[in-house]
Amino acid sequence: MSCRSVCCNHWSSEERLDGKTVIITGANTGIGKETAKDLARRGARIVMACRDLERAEEARTNILEDTGNENVVIRKLDLSDTKSIKAFAELIAKEEKQVNILINNAGIMMCPHSKTADGFEMQLGVNHLGHFLLTYLLLDLIKRSTPARIVIVASVAHTWTGLRLDDINSESSYDTMKAYGQSKLANVLFARSLAKRLQGSGVSVFSLHPGVVQSDLWRHQHQCIQMAVKIFRIFTKTTVEGAQTTIYCAVEPHLESQSGGYFSDCAPATCSRAASDDDLAQKLWEISCNMLGITWQ
């Protein structure tokens, strides 16, 4: 697979999702909101899994006005708290008969050092561990909803660093960029591992780089970086453009043979050597289960 892929500012497809249920984390803003809007336009039932319910309600109103699809609901989910993740999964199990597409989209980027409610470094906790646990808790329902897909929004930032297996929780030192890169590397490795475990199940798994997107993910950055993003805006993507590879991985027919793959610009792309390391992926899987206190073979 080549890392050179076609530019995908707006992917075009008439594919419908009528009768399908989609869960999107972080669907109240940025590429998550644009993904929700596109899939709602295709007729799907959308579950917006969001931490900020006020902003989510504003986004839901906008999606309804734009698409005419009233089958869009908001459910509380705080990925920095395992209690919230478990409560969300329990509610989904009661309310939803199926989950055909799970889009692990929510994320935080290069924030100051802080910890989740469970003591995980915030970027690893939200970007990787929170979605790892969420997927684990929803997987039986997803398996009963086949053909189904799990889409994990990663980043080219996964190439910035390796996994610090001896200090994955950044206890001894913290570098905001490396911690972010590590969490995104974990996303790609998770997709790879999960796809192998789900072979033959009817559930496909994909990770992706959305592009450098003009979004509020940059809100934690130094003013110089924010200024650079504005200056080089011509080389960045709008949130609509940034959502296209997520939509592609969720919707494009006949991608099952590429389960476990990494995508960019609506096409297969090459991930880093570390992200292709099956031994590293297995170690991460075991560490993640141990940190979360779960058994997932």
C-alpha atoms as a PDB file:
ATOM      1  CA  MET A   1       0.000   0.000   0.000  1.00  0.00           C
ATOM      2  CA  SER A   2       1.305   3.418  -0.900  1.00  0.00           C
ATOM      3  CA  CYS A   3       1.309   6.357   1.461  1.00  0.00           C
ATOM      4  CA  ARG A   4       0.470   8.485  -1.560  1.00  0.00           C
ATOM      5  CA  SER A   5      -3.276   8.668  -1.878  1.00  0.00           C
ATOM      6  CA  VAL A   6      -5.760  10.733  -3.820  1.00  0.00           C
ATOM      7  CA  CYS A   7      -6.839  14.049  -2.379  1.00  0.00           C
ATOM      8  CA  CYS A   8     -10.245  13.649  -0.810  1.00  0.00           C
ATOM      9  CA  ASN A   9     -11.705  17.059  -0.051  1.00  0.00           C
ATOM     10  CA  HIS A  10     -15.217  15.817  -0.644  1.00  0.00           C
ATOM     11  CA  TRP A  11     -15.914  12.142  -1.167  1.00  0.00           C
ATOM     12  CA  SER A  12     -18.999  11.474  -3.251  1.00  0.00           C
ATOM     13  CA  SER A  13     -21.212   8.419  -2.816  1.00  0.00           C
ATOM     14  CA  GLU A  14     -24.925   7.718  -3.056  1.00  0.00           C
ATOM     15  CA  GLU A  15     -24.686   4.896  -0.500  1.00  0.00           C
ATOM     16  CA  ARG A  16     -27.636   4.854   1.916  1.00  0.00           C
ATOM     17  CA  LEU A  17     -27.693   3.851   5.575  1.00  0.00           C
ATOM     18  CA  ASP A  18     -31.437   3.538   6.116  1.00  0.00           C
ATOM     19  CA  GLY A  19     -32.207   1.206   9.016  1.00  0.00           C
ATOM     20  CA  LYS A  20     -28.614   1.407  10.311  1.00  0.00           C
ATOM     21  CA  THR A  21     -27.601   2.705  13.739  1.00  0.00           C
ATOM     22  CA  VAL A  22     -24.391   4.713  14.116  1.00  0.00           C
ATOM     23  CA  ILE A  23     -22.675   5.779  17.344  1.00  0.00           C
ATOM     24  CA  ILE A  24     -20.234   8.684  17.013  1.00  0.00           C
ATOM     25  CA  THR A  25     -18.165   9.876  19.965  1.00  0.00           C
ATOM     26  CA  GLY A  26     -17.490  13.605  20.066  1.00  0.00           C
ATOM     27  CA  ALA A  27     -20.261  14.270  17.556  1.00  0.00           C
ATOM     28  CA  ASN A  28     -21.037  17.775  18.815  1.00  0.00           C
ATOM     29  CA  THR A  29     -18.150  19.559  17.110  1.00  0.00           C
ATOM     30  CA  GLY A  30     -15.498  19.390  14.386  1.00  0.00           C
ATOM     31  CA  ILE A  31     -15.221  16.374  12.130  1.00  0.00           C
ATOM     32  CA  GLY A  32     -17.457  14.365  14.463  1.00  0.00           C
ATOM     33  CA  LYS A  33     -20.344  16.735  13.848  1.00  0.00           C
ATOM     34  CA  GLU A  34     -19.739  16.759  10.086  1.00  0.00           C
ATOM     35  CA  THR A  35     -19.601  12.952  10.077  1.00  0.00           C
ATOM     36  CA  ALA A  36     -22.890  12.814  11.978  1.00  0.00           C
ATOM     37  CA  LYS A  37     -24.461  15.232   9.520  1.00  0.00           C
ATOM     38  CA  ASP A  38     -23.352  13.222   6.479  1.00  0.00           C
ATOM     39  CA  LEU A  39     -24.494   9.876   7.868  1.00  0.00           C
ATOM     40  CA  ALA A  40     -27.806  11.365   9.037  1.00  0.00           C
ATOM     41  CA  ARG A  41     -28.295  12.628   5.492  1.00  0.00           C
ATOM     42  CA  ARG A  42     -27.885   8.999   4.361  1.00  0.00           C
ATOM     43  CA  GLY A  43     -30.781   7.947   6.588  1.00  0.00           C
ATOM     44  CA  ALA A  44     -28.957   6.436   9.558  1.00  0.00           C
ATOM     45  CA  ARG A  45     -30.078   6.643  13.168  1.00  0.00           C
ATOM     46  CA  ILE A  46     -27.352   8.687  14.854  1.00  0.00           C
ATOM     47  CA  VAL A  47     -26.393   8.385  18.510  1.00  0.00           C
ATOM     48  CA  MET A  48     -24.299  11.422  19.421  1.00  0.00           C
ATOM     49  CA  ALA A  49     -22.082  10.327  22.325  1.00  0.00           C
ATOM     50  CA  CYS A  50     -20.967  13.577  23.919  1.00  0.00           C
ATOM     51  CA  ARG A  51     -19.593  14.983  27.154  1.00  0.00           C
ATOM     52  CA  ASP A  52     -20.969  18.508  26.722  1.00  0.00           C
ATOM     53  CA  LEU A  53     -24.749  18.088  26.425  1.00  0.00           C
ATOM     54  CA  GLU A  54     -25.438  21.782  25.839  1.00  0.00           C
ATOM     55  CA  ARG A  55     -23.122  21.940  22.813  1.00  0.00           C
ATOM     56  CA  ALA A  56     -24.464  18.576  21.679  1.00  0.00           C
ATOM     57  CA  GLU A  57     -28.028  19.902  21.675  1.00  0.00           C
ATOM     58  CA  GLU A  58     -26.953  22.869  19.557  1.00  0.00           C
ATOM     59  CA  ALA A  59     -25.219  20.487  17.128  1.00  0.00           C
ATOM     60  CA  ARG A  60     -28.239  18.158  17.040  1.00  0.00           C
ATOM     61  CA  THR A  61     -30.546  21.060  16.175  1.00  0.00           C
ATOM     62  CA  ASN A  62     -28.207  22.050  13.345  1.00  0.00           C
ATOM     63  CA  ILE A  63     -28.043  18.461  12.041  1.00  0.00           C
ATOM     64  CA  LEU A  64     -31.850  18.143  12.101  1.00  0.00           C
ATOM     65  CA  GLU A  65     -32.282  21.435  10.243  1.00  0.00           C
ATOM     66  CA  ASP A  66     -29.657  20.480   7.674  1.00  0.00           C
ATOM     67  CA  THR A  67     -30.695  16.878   7.006  1.00  0.00           C
ATOM     68  CA  GLY A  68     -34.357  16.592   7.944  1.00  0.00           C
ATOM     69  CA  ASN A  69     -33.488  13.372   9.785  1.00  0.00           C
ATOM     70  CA  GLU A  70     -35.152  13.482  13.203  1.00  0.00           C
ATOM     71  CA  ASN A  71     -33.705  10.100  14.226  1.00  0.00           C
ATOM     72  CA  VAL A  72     -30.727  11.744  15.934  1.00  0.00           C
ATOM     73  CA  VAL A  73     -30.310  11.394  19.695  1.00  0.00           C
ATOM     74  CA  ILE A  74     -27.808  12.587  22.298  1.00  0.00           C
ATOM     75  CA  ARG A  75     -26.415  10.388  25.034  1.00  0.00           C
ATOM     76  CA  LYS A  76     -23.965  11.420  27.753  1.00  0.00           C
ATOM     77  CA  LEU A  77     -20.451  10.017  27.447  1.00  0.00           C
ATOM     78  CA  ASP A  78     -17.320  11.213  29.219  1.00  0.00           C
ATOM     79  CA  LEU A  79     -14.379   9.205  27.902  1.00  0.00           C
ATOM     80  CA  SER A  80     -12.191  10.420  30.769  1.00  0.00           C
ATOM     81  CA  ASP A  81     -14.286   8.482  33.291  1.00  0.00           C
ATOM     82  CA  THR A  82     -14.773   4.701  33.097  1.00  0.00           C
ATOM     83  CA  LYS A  83     -17.969   4.992  35.172  1.00  0.00           C
ATOM     84  CA  SER A  84     -19.475   7.218  32.480  1.00  0.00           C
ATOM     85  CA  ILE A  85     -18.348   4.809  29.744  1.00  0.00           C
ATOM     86  CA  LYS A  86     -19.943   1.853  31.531  1.00  0.00           C
ATOM     87  CA  ALA A  87     -23.174   3.777  32.156  1.00  0.00           C
ATOM     88  CA  PHE A  88     -23.319   4.786  28.483  1.00  0.00           C
ATOM     89  CA  ALA A  89     -22.765   1.203  27.297  1.00  0.00           C
ATOM     90  CA  GLU A  90     -25.480  -0.093  29.649  1.00  0.00           C
ATOM     91  CA  LEU A  91     -27.929   2.490  28.319  1.00  0.00           C
ATOM     92  CA  ILE A  92     -27.128   1.644  24.701  1.00  0.00           C
ATOM     93  CA  ALA A  93     -27.652  -2.070  25.424  1.00  0.00           C
ATOM     94  CA  LYS A  94     -31.133  -1.265  26.781  1.00  0.00           C
ATOM     95  CA  GLU A  95     -32.158   1.259  24.123  1.00  0.00           C
ATOM     96  CA  GLU A  96     -30.619   0.064  20.888  1.00  0.00           C
ATOM     97  CA  LYS A  97     -31.433  -3.143  19.046  1.00  0.00           C
ATOM     98  CA  GLN A  98     -28.308  -2.801  16.932  1.00  0.00           C
ATOM     99  CA  VAL A  99     -25.103  -0.847  16.428  1.00  0.00           C
ATOM    100  CA  ASN A 100     -23.981  -1.182  12.835  1.00  0.00           C
ATOM    101  CA  ILE A 101     -21.221   1.438  12.909  1.00  0.00           C
ATOM    102  CA  LEU A 102     -19.173   2.648  15.876  1.00  0.00           C
ATOM    103  CA  ILE A 103     -17.029   5.704  15.144  1.00  0.00           C
ATOM    104  CA  ASN A 104     -14.414   6.358  17.824  1.00  0.00           C
ATOM    105  CA  ASN A 105     -13.875   9.987  16.901  1.00  0.00           C
ATOM    106  CA  ALA A 106     -13.565  12.054  20.091  1.00  0.00           C
ATOM    107  CA  GLY A 107     -10.111  13.155  21.141  1.00  0.00           C
ATOM    108  CA  ILE A 108      -7.962  15.738  22.832  1.00  0.00           C
ATOM    109  CA  MET A 109      -4.699  17.072  21.488  1.00  0.00           C
ATOM    110  CA  MET A 110      -1.476  18.186  23.156  1.00  0.00           C
ATOM    111  CA  CYS A 111      -3.141  19.419  26.335  1.00  0.00           C
ATOM    112  CA  PRO A 112      -1.334  20.359  29.562  1.00  0.00           C
ATOM    113  CA  HIS A 113      -0.607  17.417  31.841  1.00  0.00           C
ATOM    114  CA  SER A 114      -3.652  16.126  33.685  1.00  0.00           C
ATOM    115  CA  LYS A 115      -5.235  12.806  34.602  1.00  0.00           C
ATOM    116  CA  THR A 116      -8.579  11.152  34.029  1.00  0.00           C
ATOM    117  CA  ALA A 117     -10.947  10.198  36.834  1.00  0.00           C
ATOM    118  CA  ASP A 118      -9.195   6.805  36.913  1.00  0.00           C
ATOM    119  CA  GLY A 119      -5.663   8.215  37.051  1.00  0.00           C
ATOM    120  CA  PHE A 120      -4.709   7.742  33.397  1.00  0.00           C
ATOM    121  CA  GLU A 121      -2.681  10.404  31.570  1.00  0.00           C
ATOM    122  CA  MET A 122      -5.436  12.405  29.891  1.00  0.00           C
ATOM    123  CA  GLN A 123      -4.481  11.980  26.211  1.00  0.00           C
ATOM    124  CA  LEU A 124      -3.863   8.241  26.514  1.00  0.00           C
ATOM    125  CA  GLY A 125      -6.947   7.906  28.714  1.00  0.00           C
ATOM    126  CA  VAL A 126      -9.383   9.663  26.396  1.00  0.00           C
ATOM    127  CA  ASN A 127      -7.937   8.957  22.954  1.00  0.00           C
ATOM    128  CA  HIS A 128      -7.080   5.290  23.495  1.00  0.00           C
ATOM    129  CA  LEU A 129      -8.194   3.713  26.782  1.00  0.00           C
ATOM    130  CA  GLY A 130     -11.644   5.304  26.804  1.00  0.00           C
ATOM    131  CA  HIS A 131     -12.390   4.073  23.292  1.00  0.00           C
ATOM    132  CA  PHE A 132     -10.787   0.688  24.028  1.00  0.00           C
ATOM    133  CA  LEU A 133     -13.200   0.183  26.936  1.00  0.00           C
ATOM    134  CA  LEU A 134     -16.179   1.538  25.017  1.00  0.00           C
ATOM    135  CA  THR A 135     -15.544  -0.832  22.108  1.00  0.00           C
ATOM    136  CA  TYR A 136     -15.114  -3.765  24.504  1.00  0.00           C
ATOM    137  CA  LEU A 137     -18.439  -3.022  26.200  1.00  0.00           C
ATOM    138  CA  LEU A 138     -20.370  -2.564  22.934  1.00  0.00           C
ATOM    139  CA  LEU A 139     -18.778  -5.403  20.975  1.00  0.00           C
ATOM    140  CA  ASP A 140     -21.415  -8.097  21.610  1.00  0.00           C
ATOM    141  CA  LEU A 141     -24.136  -5.775  20.294  1.00  0.00           C
ATOM    142  CA  ILE A 142     -21.973  -4.811  17.324  1.00  0.00           C
ATOM    143  CA  LYS A 143     -21.365  -8.498  16.534  1.00  0.00           C
ATOM    144  CA  ARG A 144     -25.128  -9.082  16.526  1.00  0.00           C
ATOM    145  CA  SER A 145     -25.523  -6.224  14.040  1.00  0.00           C
ATOM    146  CA  THR A 146     -23.330  -7.543  11.223  1.00  0.00           C
ATOM    147  CA  PRO A 147     -22.210  -6.546   8.748  1.00  0.00           C
ATOM    148  CA  ALA A 148     -20.773  -3.899  11.044  1.00  0.00           C
ATOM    149  CA  ARG A 149     -17.820  -1.531  11.196  1.00  0.00           C
ATOM    150  CA  ILE A 150     -15.648   0.080  13.833  1.00  0.00           C
ATOM    151  CA  VAL A 151     -13.863   3.228  12.668  1.00  0.00           C
ATOM    152  CA  ILE A 152     -11.068   4.718  14.782  1.00  0.00           C
ATOM    153  CA  VAL A 153      -9.941   8.281  14.094  1.00  0.00           C
ATOM    154  CA  ALA A 154      -6.162   8.246  14.584  1.00  0.00           C
ATOM    155  CA  SER A 155      -3.621  10.674  13.122  1.00  0.00           C
ATOM    156  CA  VAL A 156      -0.343  10.914  11.225  1.00  0.00           C
ATOM    157  CA  ALA A 157       0.914  12.002  14.660  1.00  0.00           C
ATOM    158  CA  HIS A 158       1.233   8.276  15.366  1.00  0.00           C
ATOM    159  CA  THR A 159       4.567   8.536  13.516  1.00  0.00           C
ATOM    160  CA  TRP A 160       5.951  11.072  16.010  1.00  0.00           C
ATOM    161  CA  THR A 161       6.990   8.588  18.667  1.00  0.00           C
ATOM    162  CA  GLY A 162       6.999   5.000  19.843  1.00  0.00           C
ATOM    163  CA  LEU A 163       5.176   3.437  22.771  1.00  0.00           C
ATOM    164  CA  ARG A 164       6.856   4.004  26.112  1.00  0.00           C
ATOM    165  CA  LEU A 165       5.935   0.604  27.481  1.00  0.00           C
ATOM    166  CA  ASP A 166       7.881   1.246  30.697  1.00  0.00           C
ATOM    167  CA  ASP A 167       6.102   4.577  31.282  1.00  0.00           C
ATOM    168  CA  ILE A 168       2.967   4.489  29.123  1.00  0.00           C
ATOM    169  CA  ASN A 169       1.056   6.579  31.666  1.00  0.00           C
ATOM    170  CA  SER A 170       3.739   9.332  31.636  1.00  0.00           C
ATOM    171  CA  GLU A 171       4.442   8.998  35.360  1.00  0.00           C
ATOM    172  CA  SER A 172       8.178   9.743  35.212  1.00  0.00           C
ATOM    173  CA  SER A 173       8.034  12.479  32.572  1.00  0.00           C
ATOM    174  CA  TYR A 174       5.528  14.216  30.329  1.00  0.00           C
ATOM    175  CA  ASP A 175       5.937  15.624  26.853  1.00  0.00           C
ATOM    176  CA  THR A 176       2.656  16.875  25.435  1.00  0.00           C
ATOM    177  CA  MET A 177       3.516  16.083  21.787  1.00  0.00           C
ATOM    178  CA  LYS A 178       4.918  12.637  22.537  1.00  0.00           C
ATOM    179  CA  ALA A 179       1.957  11.788  24.747  1.00  0.00           C
ATOM    180  CA  TYR A 180      -0.408  12.773  21.939  1.00  0.00           C
ATOM    181  CA  GLY A 181       1.598  10.839  19.362  1.00  0.00           C
ATOM    182  CA  GLN A 182       1.638   7.791  21.635  1.00  0.00           C
ATOM    183  CA  SER A 183      -2.148   7.910  22.034  1.00  0.00           C
ATOM    184  CA  LYS A 184      -2.578   8.051  18.251  1.00  0.00           C
ATOM    185  CA  LEU A 185      -0.102   5.192  17.740  1.00  0.00           C
ATOM    186  CA  ALA A 186      -2.206   3.247  20.231  1.00  0.00           C
ATOM    187  CA  ASN A 187      -5.274   3.939  18.048  1.00  0.00           C
ATOM    188  CA  VAL A 188      -3.649   2.396  14.970  1.00  0.00           C
ATOM    189  CA  LEU A 189      -2.303  -0.590  16.911  1.00  0.00           C
ATOM    190  CA  PHE A 190      -5.711  -1.143  18.520  1.00  0.00           C
ATOM    191  CA  ALA A 191      -7.426  -1.205  15.111  1.00  0.00           C
ATOM    192  CA  ARG A 192      -4.844  -3.687  13.842  1.00  0.00           C
ATOM    193  CA  SER A 193      -5.210  -6.010  16.826  1.00  0.00           C
ATOM    194  CA  LEU A 194      -8.991  -5.810  16.947  1.00  0.00           C
ATOM    195  CA  ALA A 195      -9.339  -6.571  13.241  1.00  0.00           C
ATOM    196  CA  LYS A 196      -7.315  -9.770  13.654  1.00  0.00           C
ATOM    197  CA  ARG A 197      -9.430 -10.865  16.605  1.00  0.00           C
ATOM    198  CA  LEU A 198     -12.627 -10.199  14.645  1.00  0.00           C
ATOM    199  CA  GLN A 199     -11.689 -12.050  11.458  1.00  0.00           C
ATOM    200  CA  GLY A 200     -14.710 -13.971  10.196  1.00  0.00           C
ATOM    201  CA  SER A 201     -17.106 -12.206  12.580  1.00  0.00           C
ATOM    202  CA  GLY A 202     -18.598  -9.810  10.039  1.00  0.00           C
ATOM    203  CA  VAL A 203     -17.147  -6.806  11.883  1.00  0.00           C
ATOM    204  CA  SER A 204     -14.513  -4.751  10.059  1.00  0.00           C
ATOM    205  CA  VAL A 205     -12.140  -2.293  11.732  1.00  0.00           C
ATOM    206  CA  PHE A 206     -10.340   0.711  10.234  1.00  0.00           C
ATOM    207  CA  SER A 207      -8.098   3.496  11.515  1.00  0.00           C
ATOM    208  CA  LEU A 208      -7.444   6.739   9.697  1.00  0.00           C
ATOM    209  CA  HIS A 209      -5.697  10.090   9.492  1.00  0.00           C
ATOM    210  CA  PRO A 210      -8.291  12.830   8.846  1.00  0.00           C
ATOM    211  CA  GLY A 211      -5.731  15.397   7.732  1.00  0.00           C
ATOM    212  CA  VAL A 212      -4.612  18.582   9.458  1.00  0.00           C
ATOM    213  CA  VAL A 213      -8.009  20.031  10.247  1.00  0.00           C
ATOM    214  CA  GLN A 214      -9.087  23.552  11.223  1.00  0.00           C
ATOM    215  CA  SER A 215     -10.798  22.653  14.499  1.00  0.00           C
ATOM    216  CA  ASP A 216     -10.831  23.501  18.187  1.00  0.00           C
ATOM    217  CA  LEU A 217      -8.437  20.610  18.843  1.00  0.00           C
ATOM    218  CA  TRP A 218      -5.766  23.320  18.571  1.00  0.00           C
ATOM    219  CA  ARG A 219      -7.188  25.266  21.521  1.00  0.00           C
ATOM    220  CA  HIS A 220      -4.493  24.067  23.963  1.00  0.00           C
ATOM    221  CA  GLN A 221      -1.602  25.166  21.767  1.00  0.00           C
ATOM    222  CA  HIS A 222       0.798  28.027  22.289  1.00  0.00           C
ATOM    223  CA  GLN A 223      -0.204  31.206  20.447  1.00  0.00           C
ATOM    224  CA  CYS A 224       2.721  30.749  18.037  1.00  0.00           C
ATOM    225  CA  ILE A 225       1.392  27.351  16.931  1.00  0.00           C
ATOM    226  CA  GLN A 226      -2.142  28.700  16.623  1.00  0.00           C
ATOM    227  CA  MET A 227      -0.806  31.550  14.475  1.00  0.00           C
ATOM    228  CA  ALA A 228       1.128  29.101  12.287  1.00  0.00           C
ATOM    229  CA  VAL A 229      -2.046  27.066  11.746  1.00  0.00           C
ATOM    230  CA  LYS A 230      -3.839  30.228  10.620  1.00  0.00           C
ATOM    231  CA  ILE A 231      -0.970  31.268   8.332  1.00  0.00           C
ATOM    232  CA  PHE A 232      -0.806  27.844   6.675  1.00  0.00           C
ATOM    233  CA  ARG A 233      -4.591  27.537   6.551  1.00  0.00           C
ATOM    234  CA  ILE A 234      -4.419  26.992   2.785  1.00  0.00           C
ATOM    235  CA  PHE A 235      -2.697  23.651   3.436  1.00  0.00           C
ATOM    236  CA  THR A 236      -5.193  22.518   6.077  1.00  0.00           C
ATOM    237  CA  LYS A 237      -8.647  21.021   5.755  1.00  0.00           C
ATOM    238  CA  THR A 238     -12.017  22.352   6.804  1.00  0.00           C
ATOM    239  CA  THR A 239     -14.010  20.140   9.179  1.00  0.00           C
ATOM    240  CA  VAL A 240     -16.145  18.995   6.240  1.00  0.00           C
ATOM    241  CA  GLU A 241     -13.025  17.974   4.310  1.00  0.00           C
ATOM    242  CA  GLY A 242     -11.508  16.413   7.419  1.00  0.00           C
ATOM    243  CA  ALA A 243     -14.554  14.198   7.910  1.00  0.00           C
ATOM    244  CA  GLN A 244     -14.359  12.615   4.458  1.00  0.00           C
ATOM    245  CA  THR A 245     -12.011   9.717   5.277  1.00  0.00           C
ATOM    246  CA  THR A 246     -14.084   8.825   8.351  1.00  0.00           C
ATOM    247  CA  ILE A 247     -17.209   8.802   6.182  1.00  0.00           C
ATOM    248  CA  TYR A 248     -15.409   6.748   3.541  1.00  0.00           C
ATOM    249  CA  CYS A 249     -14.345   4.099   6.067  1.00  0.00           C
ATOM    250  CA  ALA A 250     -17.869   3.973   7.507  1.00  0.00           C
ATOM    251  CA  VAL A 251     -19.766   3.871   4.223  1.00  0.00           C
ATOM    252  CA  GLU A 252     -17.709   2.668   1.249  1.00  0.00           C
ATOM    253  CA  PRO A 253     -18.857  -0.839   0.211  1.00  0.00           C
ATOM    254  CA  HIS A 254     -16.466  -3.777  -0.123  1.00  0.00           C
ATOM    255  CA  LEU A 255     -13.790  -2.584   2.310  1.00  0.00           C
ATOM    256  CA  GLU A 256     -14.015  -5.744   4.427  1.00  0.00           C
ATOM    257  CA  SER A 257     -10.899  -7.265   2.863  1.00  0.00           C
ATOM    258  CA  GLN A 258      -8.911  -4.288   4.157  1.00  0.00           C
ATOM    259  CA  SER A 259     -10.020  -4.621   7.780  1.00  0.00           C
ATOM    260  CA  GLY A 260      -7.227  -3.533  10.107  1.00  0.00           C
ATOM    261  CA  GLY A 261      -5.945  -1.065   7.539  1.00  0.00           C
ATOM    262  CA  TYR A 262      -4.942   2.555   7.981  1.00  0.00           C
ATOM    263  CA  PHE A 263      -6.441   5.165   5.645  1.00  0.00           C
ATOM    264  CA  SER A 264      -5.777   8.754   4.619  1.00  0.00           C
ATOM    265  CA  ASP A 265      -7.496  10.877   1.955  1.00  0.00           C
ATOM    266  CA  CYS A 266     -10.100   8.165   1.369  1.00  0.00           C
ATOM    267  CA  ALA A 267      -7.518   5.552   0.378  1.00  0.00           C
ATOM    268  CA  PRO A 268      -5.195   3.011   2.007  1.00  0.00           C
ATOM    269  CA  ALA A 269      -2.051   4.614   3.413  1.00  0.00           C
ATOM    270  CA  THR A 270       1.166   3.387   4.963  1.00  0.00           C
ATOM    271  CA  CYS A 271       1.455   3.644   8.732  1.00  0.00           C
ATOM    272  CA  SER A 272       4.705   3.742  10.691  1.00  0.00           C
ATOM    273  CA  ARG A 273       6.848   0.668  11.328  1.00  0.00           C
ATOM    274  CA  ALA A 274       5.847   0.735  15.009  1.00  0.00           C
ATOM    275  CA  ALA A 275       2.166   0.795  14.029  1.00  0.00           C
ATOM    276  CA  SER A 276       2.724  -2.400  11.983  1.00  0.00           C
ATOM    277  CA  ASP A 277       4.444  -4.259  14.839  1.00  0.00           C
ATOM    278  CA  ASP A 278       2.188  -7.139  15.918  1.00  0.00           C
ATOM    279  CA  ASP A 279       4.269  -7.878  19.018  1.00  0.00           C
ATOM    280  CA  LEU A 280       3.952  -4.257  20.118  1.00  0.00           C
ATOM    281  CA  ALA A 281       0.227  -4.369  19.389  1.00  0.00           C
ATOM    282  CA  GLN A 282      -0.150  -7.433  21.608  1.00  0.00           C
ATOM    283  CA  LYS A 283       1.807  -5.801  24.441  1.00  0.00           C
ATOM    284  CA  LEU A 284      -0.376  -2.697  24.191  1.00  0.00           C
ATOM    285  CA  TRP A 285      -3.495  -4.886  24.250  1.00  0.00           C
ATOM    286  CA  GLU A 286      -2.356  -6.597  27.442  1.00  0.00           C
ATOM    287  CA  ILE A 287      -1.334  -3.313  29.098  1.00  0.00           C
ATOM    288  CA  SER A 288      -4.664  -1.708  28.159  1.00  0.00           C
ATOM    289  CA  CYS A 289      -6.662  -4.611  29.601  1.00  0.00           C
ATOM    290  CA  ASN A 290      -4.574  -4.505  32.771  1.00  0.00           C
ATOM    291  CA  MET A 291      -5.011  -0.744  33.210  1.00  0.00           C
ATOM    292  CA  LEU A 292      -8.767  -1.042  32.698  1.00  0.00           C
ATOM    293  CA  GLY A 293      -9.153  -4.193  34.775  1.00  0.00           C
ATOM    294  CA  ILE A 294     -10.821  -6.196  32.002  1.00  0.00           C
ATOM    295  CA  THR A 295     -10.210  -9.579  30.380  1.00  0.00           C
ATOM    296  CA  TRP A 296     -10.463  -9.407  26.598  1.00  0.00           C
ATOM    297  CA  GLN A 297      -8.924 -12.349  24.758  1.00  0.00           C
END
